[in-house]
Amino acid sequence: MNDTKLELIVQNFITIMPLFQKKLIRKDCGFAHDNFNHSQFQIMAVLKESGKQPISEVAKKLLISMPNMTKLLNKLIAEDMVERIPDQKDRRIINIILTDKGNTYLEEKFENVKLALRERLSTLHDGQQDKLLLSLENLKDVLMEISSED
């Protein structure tokens, strides 16, 4: 791939990501009045997707330092969203798991996002919806092909 094309792709990603947040997610999704910050929400989302995980693994996946992870987790634990569980085989390892309350919270947030997206995107005419659907399917395919360390 030539450098010019790669630069255009990078610039488009840099432009699209904040627009996606501003135009589709933050508006009317119920995040404005939340008790949790973005990092805490991501921690819960990782636990919902992956289940019980060592704290260090979640921190590594989200690029959060361990001291910062501790602060973020303390708030989630105090709100009964996440629970610490000692590892059965190695007592030096502390796992974390999403509680029922945390799972319910995430399900509500995801439903709010879906409803808000559906409402915002319903204003597009059929041709725009078709174009967006094809673009998103192509983007998903390309992103699935990109190798990662996850």
N, C-alpha and C. Protein backbone atom coordinates (compact mmCIF):
# COMPACT_ATOMS: atom_id res chain seq x y z
N MET A 1 0.86 -1.17 0.00
CA MET A 1 0.00 0.00 0.00
C MET A 1 0.90 1.23 0.00
N ASN A 2 0.54 2.21 -0.80
CA ASN A 2 1.38 3.40 -0.84
C ASN A 2 1.12 4.29 0.38
N ASP A 3 2.08 5.14 0.68
CA ASP A 3 2.02 5.98 1.88
C ASP A 3 0.87 6.97 1.84
N THR A 4 0.53 7.49 0.67
CA THR A 4 -0.56 8.46 0.55
C THR A 4 -1.89 7.81 0.93
N LYS A 5 -2.13 6.62 0.40
CA LYS A 5 -3.37 5.91 0.71
C LYS A 5 -3.45 5.58 2.19
N LEU A 6 -2.34 5.11 2.76
CA LEU A 6 -2.29 4.78 4.17
C LEU A 6 -2.56 6.01 5.03
N GLU A 7 -1.99 7.13 4.65
CA GLU A 7 -2.20 8.38 5.39
C GLU A 7 -3.68 8.79 5.34
N LEU A 8 -4.32 8.64 4.20
CA LEU A 8 -5.75 8.96 4.09
C LEU A 8 -6.60 8.05 4.97
N ILE A 9 -6.25 6.79 5.03
CA ILE A 9 -6.98 5.85 5.88
C ILE A 9 -6.83 6.25 7.35
N VAL A 10 -5.61 6.56 7.75
CA VAL A 10 -5.35 6.97 9.13
C VAL A 10 -6.12 8.24 9.47
N GLN A 11 -6.09 9.22 8.59
CA GLN A 11 -6.81 10.48 8.82
C GLN A 11 -8.32 10.25 8.92
N ASN A 12 -8.84 9.37 8.08
CA ASN A 12 -10.28 9.07 8.15
C ASN A 12 -10.65 8.41 9.46
N PHE A 13 -9.82 7.48 9.94
CA PHE A 13 -10.09 6.86 11.24
C PHE A 13 -10.07 7.90 12.36
N ILE A 14 -9.08 8.77 12.33
CA ILE A 14 -8.96 9.81 13.35
C ILE A 14 -10.17 10.73 13.33
N THR A 15 -10.72 10.99 12.17
CA THR A 15 -11.89 11.85 12.05
C THR A 15 -13.17 11.12 12.42
N ILE A 16 -13.30 9.87 12.01
CA ILE A 16 -14.54 9.12 12.21
C ILE A 16 -14.79 8.77 13.67
N MET A 17 -13.76 8.39 14.40
CA MET A 17 -13.98 7.91 15.76
C MET A 17 -14.62 8.98 16.66
N PRO A 18 -14.13 10.21 16.69
CA PRO A 18 -14.82 11.22 17.51
C PRO A 18 -16.22 11.55 16.98
N LEU A 19 -16.38 11.55 15.65
CA LEU A 19 -17.71 11.81 15.09
C LEU A 19 -18.70 10.73 15.49
N PHE A 20 -18.25 9.50 15.48
CA PHE A 20 -19.10 8.40 15.89
C PHE A 20 -19.58 8.62 17.32
N GLN A 21 -18.66 8.97 18.21
CA GLN A 21 -19.02 9.23 19.60
C GLN A 21 -19.98 10.41 19.71
N LYS A 22 -19.63 11.50 19.05
CA LYS A 22 -20.40 12.74 19.17
C LYS A 22 -21.78 12.63 18.54
N LYS A 23 -21.85 12.08 17.35
CA LYS A 23 -23.11 12.06 16.60
C LYS A 23 -24.03 10.89 16.95
N LEU A 24 -23.45 9.77 17.36
CA LEU A 24 -24.27 8.59 17.54
C LEU A 24 -24.35 8.06 18.97
N ILE A 25 -23.25 8.03 19.68
CA ILE A 25 -23.24 7.35 20.97
C ILE A 25 -23.59 8.26 22.14
N ARG A 26 -22.88 9.32 22.32
CA ARG A 26 -23.05 10.15 23.52
C ARG A 26 -24.43 10.77 23.62
N LYS A 27 -24.99 11.15 22.51
CA LYS A 27 -26.29 11.81 22.51
C LYS A 27 -27.40 10.80 22.80
N ASP A 28 -28.16 11.06 23.83
CA ASP A 28 -29.35 10.28 24.17
C ASP A 28 -29.09 8.83 24.55
N CYS A 29 -27.89 8.48 24.96
CA CYS A 29 -27.61 7.10 25.35
C CYS A 29 -27.54 6.92 26.87
N GLY A 30 -27.68 8.01 27.60
CA GLY A 30 -27.69 7.91 29.05
C GLY A 30 -26.33 7.88 29.71
N PHE A 31 -25.27 8.21 28.97
CA PHE A 31 -23.93 8.21 29.56
C PHE A 31 -23.60 9.53 30.26
N ALA A 32 -24.30 10.59 29.92
CA ALA A 32 -23.98 11.90 30.46
C ALA A 32 -24.16 11.96 31.97
N HIS A 33 -25.12 11.21 32.50
CA HIS A 33 -25.42 11.26 33.94
C HIS A 33 -24.93 10.02 34.67
N ASP A 34 -23.95 9.36 34.09
CA ASP A 34 -23.43 8.12 34.65
C ASP A 34 -22.46 8.37 35.80
N ASN A 35 -22.39 7.38 36.70
CA ASN A 35 -21.44 7.43 37.81
C ASN A 35 -20.07 6.91 37.41
N PHE A 36 -19.97 6.30 36.23
CA PHE A 36 -18.75 5.62 35.84
C PHE A 36 -18.09 6.31 34.66
N ASN A 37 -16.76 6.31 34.66
CA ASN A 37 -16.04 6.90 33.53
C ASN A 37 -15.84 5.86 32.43
N HIS A 38 -15.26 6.30 31.35
CA HIS A 38 -15.08 5.45 30.18
C HIS A 38 -14.26 4.20 30.51
N SER A 39 -13.19 4.36 31.28
CA SER A 39 -12.33 3.22 31.64
C SER A 39 -13.09 2.19 32.47
N GLN A 40 -13.91 2.65 33.39
CA GLN A 40 -14.69 1.73 34.21
C GLN A 40 -15.72 0.98 33.36
N PHE A 41 -16.32 1.70 32.44
CA PHE A 41 -17.26 1.05 31.52
C PHE A 41 -16.54 -0.02 30.69
N GLN A 42 -15.33 0.30 30.21
CA GLN A 42 -14.56 -0.67 29.42
C GLN A 42 -14.19 -1.90 30.25
N ILE A 43 -13.84 -1.71 31.50
CA ILE A 43 -13.51 -2.84 32.39
C ILE A 43 -14.71 -3.77 32.47
N MET A 44 -15.89 -3.20 32.70
CA MET A 44 -17.09 -4.03 32.80
C MET A 44 -17.39 -4.72 31.47
N ALA A 45 -17.20 -4.03 30.36
CA ALA A 45 -17.46 -4.62 29.04
C ALA A 45 -16.52 -5.80 28.78
N VAL A 46 -15.24 -5.67 29.16
CA VAL A 46 -14.29 -6.77 28.99
C VAL A 46 -14.72 -7.98 29.84
N LEU A 47 -15.16 -7.72 31.06
CA LEU A 47 -15.60 -8.81 31.92
C LEU A 47 -16.88 -9.47 31.40
N LYS A 48 -17.75 -8.69 30.83
CA LYS A 48 -18.98 -9.26 30.24
C LYS A 48 -18.63 -10.17 29.07
N GLU A 49 -17.68 -9.73 28.26
CA GLU A 49 -17.28 -10.50 27.08
C GLU A 49 -16.46 -11.73 27.44
N SER A 50 -15.53 -11.57 28.38
CA SER A 50 -14.55 -12.63 28.65
C SER A 50 -14.81 -13.42 29.93
N GLY A 51 -15.68 -12.94 30.78
CA GLY A 51 -15.91 -13.61 32.06
C GLY A 51 -14.82 -13.30 33.06
N LYS A 52 -14.68 -14.15 34.06
CA LYS A 52 -13.71 -13.94 35.14
C LYS A 52 -12.30 -13.82 34.56
N GLN A 53 -11.58 -12.80 35.00
CA GLN A 53 -10.23 -12.52 34.49
C GLN A 53 -9.34 -12.04 35.63
N PRO A 54 -8.04 -12.35 35.56
CA PRO A 54 -7.11 -11.73 36.51
C PRO A 54 -7.07 -10.22 36.28
N ILE A 55 -6.95 -9.47 37.34
CA ILE A 55 -6.90 -8.01 37.24
C ILE A 55 -5.82 -7.59 36.25
N SER A 56 -4.67 -8.23 36.32
CA SER A 56 -3.55 -7.85 35.45
C SER A 56 -3.87 -8.05 33.97
N GLU A 57 -4.66 -9.07 33.64
CA GLU A 57 -5.04 -9.33 32.24
C GLU A 57 -5.97 -8.24 31.72
N VAL A 58 -6.93 -7.85 32.53
CA VAL A 58 -7.86 -6.78 32.12
C VAL A 58 -7.08 -5.48 31.95
N ALA A 59 -6.19 -5.19 32.88
CA ALA A 59 -5.37 -3.98 32.79
C ALA A 59 -4.54 -3.99 31.51
N LYS A 60 -3.97 -5.14 31.20
CA LYS A 60 -3.14 -5.28 29.99
C LYS A 60 -3.98 -5.07 28.72
N LYS A 61 -5.17 -5.67 28.67
CA LYS A 61 -6.05 -5.53 27.50
C LYS A 61 -6.45 -4.08 27.26
N LEU A 62 -6.64 -3.35 28.35
CA LEU A 62 -7.13 -1.96 28.24
C LEU A 62 -6.02 -0.92 28.36
N LEU A 63 -4.78 -1.39 28.48
CA LEU A 63 -3.62 -0.49 28.62
C LEU A 63 -3.77 0.45 29.81
N ILE A 64 -4.16 -0.13 30.95
CA ILE A 64 -4.31 0.64 32.18
C ILE A 64 -3.23 0.18 33.15
N SER A 65 -2.55 1.13 33.79
CA SER A 65 -1.52 0.76 34.77
C SER A 65 -2.19 0.11 35.98
N MET A 66 -1.45 -0.73 36.68
CA MET A 66 -2.01 -1.42 37.84
C MET A 66 -2.45 -0.45 38.95
N PRO A 67 -1.66 0.60 39.27
CA PRO A 67 -2.16 1.54 40.30
C PRO A 67 -3.47 2.21 39.89
N ASN A 68 -3.59 2.58 38.62
CA ASN A 68 -4.82 3.19 38.14
C ASN A 68 -5.95 2.17 38.12
N MET A 69 -5.63 0.94 37.76
CA MET A 69 -6.63 -0.13 37.73
C MET A 69 -7.23 -0.32 39.12
N THR A 70 -6.41 -0.27 40.14
CA THR A 70 -6.88 -0.44 41.51
C THR A 70 -7.90 0.64 41.87
N LYS A 71 -7.59 1.89 41.52
CA LYS A 71 -8.53 2.99 41.80
C LYS A 71 -9.85 2.80 41.06
N LEU A 72 -9.76 2.42 39.78
CA LEU A 72 -10.96 2.21 38.98
C LEU A 72 -11.81 1.07 39.55
N LEU A 73 -11.15 -0.02 39.93
CA LEU A 73 -11.86 -1.18 40.48
C LEU A 73 -12.50 -0.89 41.83
N ASN A 74 -11.82 -0.11 42.67
CA ASN A 74 -12.38 0.20 43.98
C ASN A 74 -13.76 0.83 43.86
N LYS A 75 -13.93 1.73 42.91
CA LYS A 75 -15.23 2.37 42.68
C LYS A 75 -16.25 1.35 42.18
N LEU A 76 -15.85 0.49 41.23
CA LEU A 76 -16.76 -0.53 40.70
C LEU A 76 -17.17 -1.53 41.78
N ILE A 77 -16.24 -1.87 42.65
CA ILE A 77 -16.52 -2.81 43.74
C ILE A 77 -17.44 -2.15 44.77
N ALA A 78 -17.18 -0.89 45.08
CA ALA A 78 -18.02 -0.15 46.04
C ALA A 78 -19.46 -0.03 45.52
N GLU A 79 -19.62 0.04 44.21
CA GLU A 79 -20.96 0.14 43.60
C GLU A 79 -21.56 -1.24 43.31
N ASP A 80 -20.88 -2.30 43.72
CA ASP A 80 -21.33 -3.69 43.53
C ASP A 80 -21.50 -4.05 42.05
N MET A 81 -20.62 -3.52 41.20
CA MET A 81 -20.65 -3.84 39.78
C MET A 81 -19.66 -4.97 39.45
N VAL A 82 -18.59 -5.03 40.23
CA VAL A 82 -17.52 -6.00 40.01
C VAL A 82 -17.15 -6.60 41.37
N GLU A 83 -16.71 -7.85 41.34
CA GLU A 83 -16.30 -8.53 42.56
C GLU A 83 -14.89 -9.08 42.40
N ARG A 84 -14.08 -8.97 43.46
CA ARG A 84 -12.75 -9.59 43.48
C ARG A 84 -12.90 -11.03 43.96
N ILE A 85 -12.19 -11.94 43.28
CA ILE A 85 -12.23 -13.35 43.66
C ILE A 85 -10.80 -13.88 43.65
N PRO A 86 -10.31 -14.37 44.81
CA PRO A 86 -8.96 -14.94 44.84
C PRO A 86 -8.88 -16.17 43.93
N ASP A 87 -7.76 -16.35 43.27
CA ASP A 87 -7.55 -17.50 42.40
C ASP A 87 -7.40 -18.75 43.26
N GLN A 88 -8.03 -19.83 42.82
CA GLN A 88 -8.00 -21.09 43.58
C GLN A 88 -6.61 -21.73 43.58
N LYS A 89 -5.87 -21.56 42.49
CA LYS A 89 -4.58 -22.24 42.34
C LYS A 89 -3.39 -21.40 42.78
N ASP A 90 -3.52 -20.08 42.67
CA ASP A 90 -2.39 -19.19 42.98
C ASP A 90 -2.92 -18.00 43.77
N ARG A 91 -2.67 -17.97 45.05
CA ARG A 91 -3.25 -16.92 45.89
C ARG A 91 -2.69 -15.53 45.61
N ARG A 92 -1.61 -15.46 44.82
CA ARG A 92 -1.08 -14.15 44.42
C ARG A 92 -1.94 -13.48 43.35
N ILE A 93 -2.75 -14.28 42.67
CA ILE A 93 -3.59 -13.77 41.58
C ILE A 93 -4.98 -13.45 42.10
N ILE A 94 -5.44 -12.25 41.79
CA ILE A 94 -6.80 -11.84 42.14
C ILE A 94 -7.58 -11.69 40.84
N ASN A 95 -8.67 -12.43 40.74
CA ASN A 95 -9.54 -12.33 39.58
C ASN A 95 -10.65 -11.33 39.86
N ILE A 96 -11.25 -10.83 38.81
CA ILE A 96 -12.43 -9.98 38.94
C ILE A 96 -13.51 -10.54 38.03
N ILE A 97 -14.73 -10.34 38.47
CA ILE A 97 -15.89 -10.84 37.72
C ILE A 97 -17.01 -9.80 37.82
N LEU A 98 -17.80 -9.74 36.79
CA LEU A 98 -18.94 -8.84 36.76
C LEU A 98 -20.04 -9.41 37.64
N THR A 99 -20.63 -8.59 38.48
CA THR A 99 -21.74 -9.04 39.33
C THR A 99 -23.03 -9.03 38.52
N ASP A 100 -24.09 -9.57 39.09
CA ASP A 100 -25.40 -9.51 38.44
C ASP A 100 -25.82 -8.06 38.22
N LYS A 101 -25.56 -7.21 39.20
CA LYS A 101 -25.90 -5.80 39.08
C LYS A 101 -25.11 -5.16 37.93
N GLY A 102 -23.82 -5.49 37.82
CA GLY A 102 -23.00 -4.96 36.73
C GLY A 102 -23.47 -5.46 35.37
N ASN A 103 -23.86 -6.71 35.31
CA ASN A 103 -24.37 -7.28 34.06
C ASN A 103 -25.67 -6.60 33.65
N THR A 104 -26.57 -6.39 34.59
CA THR A 104 -27.84 -5.70 34.30
C THR A 104 -27.57 -4.27 33.83
N TYR A 105 -26.65 -3.60 34.51
CA TYR A 105 -26.28 -2.22 34.12
C TYR A 105 -25.80 -2.19 32.67
N LEU A 106 -24.90 -3.10 32.31
CA LEU A 106 -24.37 -3.12 30.94
C LEU A 106 -25.46 -3.44 29.93
N GLU A 107 -26.32 -4.38 30.24
CA GLU A 107 -27.41 -4.72 29.32
C GLU A 107 -28.30 -3.51 29.08
N GLU A 108 -28.59 -2.75 30.13
CA GLU A 108 -29.41 -1.53 29.98
C GLU A 108 -28.69 -0.50 29.12
N LYS A 109 -27.39 -0.32 29.35
CA LYS A 109 -26.62 0.66 28.57
C LYS A 109 -26.56 0.25 27.10
N PHE A 110 -26.30 -1.03 26.84
CA PHE A 110 -26.24 -1.49 25.45
C PHE A 110 -27.59 -1.32 24.77
N GLU A 111 -28.68 -1.58 25.50
CA GLU A 111 -30.02 -1.39 24.93
C GLU A 111 -30.26 0.10 24.64
N ASN A 112 -29.84 0.98 25.55
CA ASN A 112 -29.96 2.43 25.31
C ASN A 112 -29.21 2.85 24.06
N VAL A 113 -28.00 2.30 23.89
CA VAL A 113 -27.19 2.63 22.71
C VAL A 113 -27.90 2.15 21.45
N LYS A 114 -28.40 0.92 21.48
CA LYS A 114 -29.09 0.38 20.29
C LYS A 114 -30.32 1.21 19.94
N LEU A 115 -31.10 1.59 20.94
CA LEU A 115 -32.28 2.40 20.68
C LEU A 115 -31.92 3.77 20.12
N ALA A 116 -30.89 4.39 20.70
CA ALA A 116 -30.46 5.71 20.23
C ALA A 116 -29.91 5.63 18.80
N LEU A 117 -29.13 4.59 18.52
CA LEU A 117 -28.59 4.41 17.16
C LEU A 117 -29.73 4.18 16.16
N ARG A 118 -30.65 3.34 16.53
CA ARG A 118 -31.79 3.06 15.65
C ARG A 118 -32.55 4.35 15.34
N GLU A 119 -32.77 5.16 16.37
CA GLU A 119 -33.49 6.43 16.18
C GLU A 119 -32.71 7.39 15.29
N ARG A 120 -31.42 7.54 15.56
CA ARG A 120 -30.60 8.46 14.77
C ARG A 120 -30.48 8.01 13.32
N LEU A 121 -30.30 6.72 13.10
CA LEU A 121 -30.08 6.20 11.75
C LEU A 121 -31.37 6.08 10.95
N SER A 122 -32.50 6.09 11.63
CA SER A 122 -33.78 6.00 10.92
C SER A 122 -34.06 7.26 10.10
N THR A 123 -33.34 8.34 10.38
CA THR A 123 -33.54 9.58 9.62
C THR A 123 -32.86 9.53 8.25
N LEU A 124 -31.99 8.55 8.04
CA LEU A 124 -31.34 8.40 6.75
C LEU A 124 -32.31 7.80 5.75
N HIS A 125 -32.24 8.27 4.50
CA HIS A 125 -33.09 7.65 3.47
C HIS A 125 -32.50 6.28 3.10
N ASP A 126 -33.29 5.47 2.41
CA ASP A 126 -32.91 4.08 2.11
C ASP A 126 -31.55 3.96 1.44
N GLY A 127 -31.27 4.84 0.49
CA GLY A 127 -29.98 4.79 -0.20
C GLY A 127 -28.81 5.00 0.74
N GLN A 128 -28.97 5.95 1.68
CA GLN A 128 -27.91 6.20 2.66
C GLN A 128 -27.76 5.01 3.61
N GLN A 129 -28.88 4.42 4.02
CA GLN A 129 -28.83 3.26 4.89
C GLN A 129 -28.13 2.09 4.21
N ASP A 130 -28.43 1.87 2.92
CA ASP A 130 -27.78 0.80 2.16
C ASP A 130 -26.27 1.04 2.07
N LYS A 131 -25.89 2.28 1.79
CA LYS A 131 -24.47 2.63 1.67
C LYS A 131 -23.76 2.44 3.01
N LEU A 132 -24.40 2.89 4.09
CA LEU A 132 -23.80 2.75 5.42
C LEU A 132 -23.67 1.27 5.80
N LEU A 133 -24.70 0.48 5.53
CA LEU A 133 -24.65 -0.95 5.84
C LEU A 133 -23.50 -1.62 5.11
N LEU A 134 -23.35 -1.37 3.84
CA LEU A 134 -22.27 -1.96 3.06
C LEU A 134 -20.90 -1.50 3.58
N SER A 135 -20.79 -0.22 3.90
CA SER A 135 -19.53 0.32 4.42
C SER A 135 -19.16 -0.32 5.75
N LEU A 136 -20.14 -0.48 6.63
CA LEU A 136 -19.88 -1.08 7.94
C LEU A 136 -19.52 -2.56 7.81
N GLU A 137 -20.18 -3.26 6.90
CA GLU A 137 -19.84 -4.67 6.69
C GLU A 137 -18.42 -4.80 6.16
N ASN A 138 -18.04 -3.92 5.23
CA ASN A 138 -16.68 -3.93 4.69
C ASN A 138 -15.67 -3.59 5.78
N LEU A 139 -15.97 -2.58 6.59
CA LEU A 139 -15.07 -2.19 7.67
C LEU A 139 -14.89 -3.33 8.66
N LYS A 140 -15.98 -3.98 9.02
CA LYS A 140 -15.90 -5.12 9.95
C LYS A 140 -15.01 -6.22 9.37
N ASP A 141 -15.20 -6.54 8.09
CA ASP A 141 -14.39 -7.57 7.45
C ASP A 141 -12.90 -7.21 7.48
N VAL A 142 -12.59 -5.97 7.16
CA VAL A 142 -11.18 -5.53 7.15
C VAL A 142 -10.60 -5.57 8.55
N LEU A 143 -11.35 -5.07 9.53
CA LEU A 143 -10.84 -5.07 10.91
C LEU A 143 -10.64 -6.48 11.44
N MET A 144 -11.49 -7.42 11.03
CA MET A 144 -11.33 -8.82 11.45
C MET A 144 -10.06 -9.44 10.86
N GLU A 145 -9.63 -8.94 9.70
CA GLU A 145 -8.43 -9.47 9.05
C GLU A 145 -7.14 -8.91 9.62
N ILE A 146 -7.22 -7.74 10.24
CA ILE A 146 -6.01 -7.13 10.80
C ILE A 146 -5.54 -7.98 11.96
N SER A 147 -4.28 -8.37 11.90
CA SER A 147 -3.75 -9.19 12.99
C SER A 147 -3.62 -8.35 14.26
N SER A 148 -3.89 -8.98 15.37
CA SER A 148 -3.76 -8.28 16.65
C SER A 148 -3.20 -9.25 17.67
N GLU A 149 -2.87 -8.70 18.82
CA GLU A 149 -2.31 -9.51 19.90
C GLU A 149 -3.37 -9.89 20.92
N ASP A 150 -4.64 -9.61 20.63
CA ASP A 150 -5.71 -9.93 21.58
C ASP A 150 -5.96 -11.40 21.68
